[in-house]
Amino acid sequence: MAEDENTPEHAENVGLFYLRRIDARLDSIERKLDEAVMRLAAVERDVAAMRVRLNNLDSRVARIEGRVDLQREIARLAAELEA
């Protein structure tokens, strides 16, 4: 005898079927979210490393600019002495 589609047993099977599908989809979404979180963490680390490098470059440029200004001042004083 074929199972009637309106019986509670059939409804339970359909419900379990869709719950399993939802569970599988949630697992997939969770994996993708975990991957996105890991990738974001890597980007954050890279940005932090770049900030450190930029800060170091900024201080180096400031020292170079100071030397250039000093050289200009020396050249100006040398020109005054020659005059």
C-alpha atoms as a PDB file:
ATOM      1  CA  MET A   1       0.000   0.000   0.000  1.00  0.00           C
ATOM      2  CA  ALA A   2       1.468   3.382  -1.042  1.00  0.00           C
ATOM      3  CA  GLU A   3       1.986   5.993   1.625  1.00  0.00           C
ATOM      4  CA  ASP A   4      -0.525   8.838   1.401  1.00  0.00           C
ATOM      5  CA  GLU A   5       1.198  12.239   0.973  1.00  0.00           C
ATOM      6  CA  ASN A   6      -1.025  13.822   3.613  1.00  0.00           C
ATOM      7  CA  THR A   7      -0.065  11.436   6.392  1.00  0.00           C
ATOM      8  CA  PRO A   8       2.018  12.778   9.289  1.00  0.00           C
ATOM      9  CA  GLU A   9       4.813  10.346   8.429  1.00  0.00           C
ATOM     10  CA  HIS A  10       5.202  11.872   4.995  1.00  0.00           C
ATOM     11  CA  ALA A  11       5.115  15.407   6.367  1.00  0.00           C
ATOM     12  CA  GLU A  12       7.803  14.466   8.892  1.00  0.00           C
ATOM     13  CA  ASN A  13      10.011  13.048   6.136  1.00  0.00           C
ATOM     14  CA  VAL A  14       9.569  16.178   4.028  1.00  0.00           C
ATOM     15  CA  GLY A  15      10.328  18.332   7.057  1.00  0.00           C
ATOM     16  CA  LEU A  16      13.477  16.343   7.832  1.00  0.00           C
ATOM     17  CA  PHE A  17      14.499  16.515   4.185  1.00  0.00           C
ATOM     18  CA  TYR A  18      14.300  20.324   4.175  1.00  0.00           C
ATOM     19  CA  LEU A  19      15.947  20.613   7.589  1.00  0.00           C
ATOM     20  CA  ARG A  20      18.890  18.574   6.273  1.00  0.00           C
ATOM     21  CA  ARG A  21      19.128  20.825   3.223  1.00  0.00           C
ATOM     22  CA  ILE A  22      19.065  23.914   5.437  1.00  0.00           C
ATOM     23  CA  ASP A  23      21.713  22.378   7.676  1.00  0.00           C
ATOM     24  CA  ALA A  24      23.939  21.630   4.679  1.00  0.00           C
ATOM     25  CA  ARG A  25      23.518  25.199   3.384  1.00  0.00           C
ATOM     26  CA  LEU A  26      24.344  26.617   6.813  1.00  0.00           C
ATOM     27  CA  ASP A  27      27.486  24.466   6.949  1.00  0.00           C
ATOM     28  CA  SER A  28      28.516  25.843   3.562  1.00  0.00           C
ATOM     29  CA  ILE A  29      27.865  29.413   4.665  1.00  0.00           C
ATOM     30  CA  GLU A  30      29.807  28.832   7.875  1.00  0.00           C
ATOM     31  CA  ARG A  31      32.823  27.507   5.939  1.00  0.00           C
ATOM     32  CA  LYS A  32      32.740  30.516   3.608  1.00  0.00           C
ATOM     33  CA  LEU A  33      32.467  32.893   6.564  1.00  0.00           C
ATOM     34  CA  ASP A  34      35.416  31.223   8.296  1.00  0.00           C
ATOM     35  CA  GLU A  35      37.453  31.604   5.103  1.00  0.00           C
ATOM     36  CA  ALA A  36      36.463  35.263   4.795  1.00  0.00           C
ATOM     37  CA  VAL A  37      37.449  35.903   8.416  1.00  0.00           C
ATOM     38  CA  MET A  38      40.846  34.278   7.875  1.00  0.00           C
ATOM     39  CA  ARG A  39      41.435  36.300   4.710  1.00  0.00           C
ATOM     40  CA  LEU A  40      40.402  39.519   6.460  1.00  0.00           C
ATOM     41  CA  ALA A  41      42.823  38.768   9.294  1.00  0.00           C
ATOM     42  CA  ALA A  42      45.612  38.311   6.734  1.00  0.00           C
ATOM     43  CA  VAL A  43      44.729  41.647   5.119  1.00  0.00           C
ATOM     44  CA  GLU A  44      44.746  43.348   8.528  1.00  0.00           C
ATOM     45  CA  ARG A  45      48.213  41.919   9.266  1.00  0.00           C
ATOM     46  CA  ASP A  46      49.472  43.117   5.887  1.00  0.00           C
ATOM     47  CA  VAL A  47      48.066  46.612   6.442  1.00  0.00           C
ATOM     48  CA  ALA A  48      49.676  46.762   9.898  1.00  0.00           C
ATOM     49  CA  ALA A  49      53.027  45.732   8.406  1.00  0.00           C
ATOM     50  CA  MET A  50      52.695  48.387   5.699  1.00  0.00           C
ATOM     51  CA  ARG A  51      51.962  51.034   8.323  1.00  0.00           C
ATOM     52  CA  VAL A  52      55.151  50.136  10.168  1.00  0.00           C
ATOM     53  CA  ARG A  53      57.133  50.336   6.932  1.00  0.00           C
ATOM     54  CA  LEU A  54      55.560  53.677   6.024  1.00  0.00           C
ATOM     55  CA  ASN A  55      56.377  55.065   9.468  1.00  0.00           C
ATOM     56  CA  ASN A  56      59.987  53.944   9.040  1.00  0.00           C
ATOM     57  CA  LEU A  57      60.127  55.508   5.590  1.00  0.00           C
ATOM     58  CA  ASP A  58      58.628  58.713   6.932  1.00  0.00           C
ATOM     59  CA  SER A  59      61.381  59.051   9.543  1.00  0.00           C
ATOM     60  CA  ARG A  60      64.041  58.253   6.941  1.00  0.00           C
ATOM     61  CA  VAL A  61      62.671  60.892   4.570  1.00  0.00           C
ATOM     62  CA  ALA A  62      62.647  63.437   7.413  1.00  0.00           C
ATOM     63  CA  ARG A  63      66.337  62.694   8.097  1.00  0.00           C
ATOM     64  CA  ILE A  64      67.161  63.037   4.387  1.00  0.00           C
ATOM     65  CA  GLU A  65      65.279  66.306   4.168  1.00  0.00           C
ATOM     66  CA  GLY A  66      67.204  67.540   7.217  1.00  0.00           C
ATOM     67  CA  ARG A  67      70.501  66.668   5.519  1.00  0.00           C
ATOM     68  CA  VAL A  68      69.440  68.423   2.311  1.00  0.00           C
ATOM     69  CA  ASP A  69      68.511  71.534   4.288  1.00  0.00           C
ATOM     70  CA  LEU A  70      71.854  71.370   6.104  1.00  0.00           C
ATOM     71  CA  GLN A  71      73.705  71.031   2.800  1.00  0.00           C
ATOM     72  CA  ARG A  72      71.830  74.043   1.419  1.00  0.00           C
ATOM     73  CA  GLU A  73      72.732  76.051   4.515  1.00  0.00           C
ATOM     74  CA  ILE A  74      76.400  75.035   4.183  1.00  0.00           C
ATOM     75  CA  ALA A  75      76.363  76.003   0.495  1.00  0.00           C
ATOM     76  CA  ARG A  76      74.801  79.377   1.353  1.00  0.00           C
ATOM     77  CA  LEU A  77      77.390  80.056   4.059  1.00  0.00           C
ATOM     78  CA  ALA A  78      80.216  79.019   1.726  1.00  0.00           C
ATOM     79  CA  ALA A  79      78.904  81.409  -0.923  1.00  0.00           C
ATOM     80  CA  GLU A  80      78.784  84.260   1.658  1.00  0.00           C
ATOM     81  CA  LEU A  81      82.365  83.543   2.696  1.00  0.00           C
ATOM     82  CA  GLU A  82      83.567  83.621  -0.900  1.00  0.00           C
ATOM     83  CA  ALA A  83      81.826  86.901  -1.548  1.00  0.00           C
END
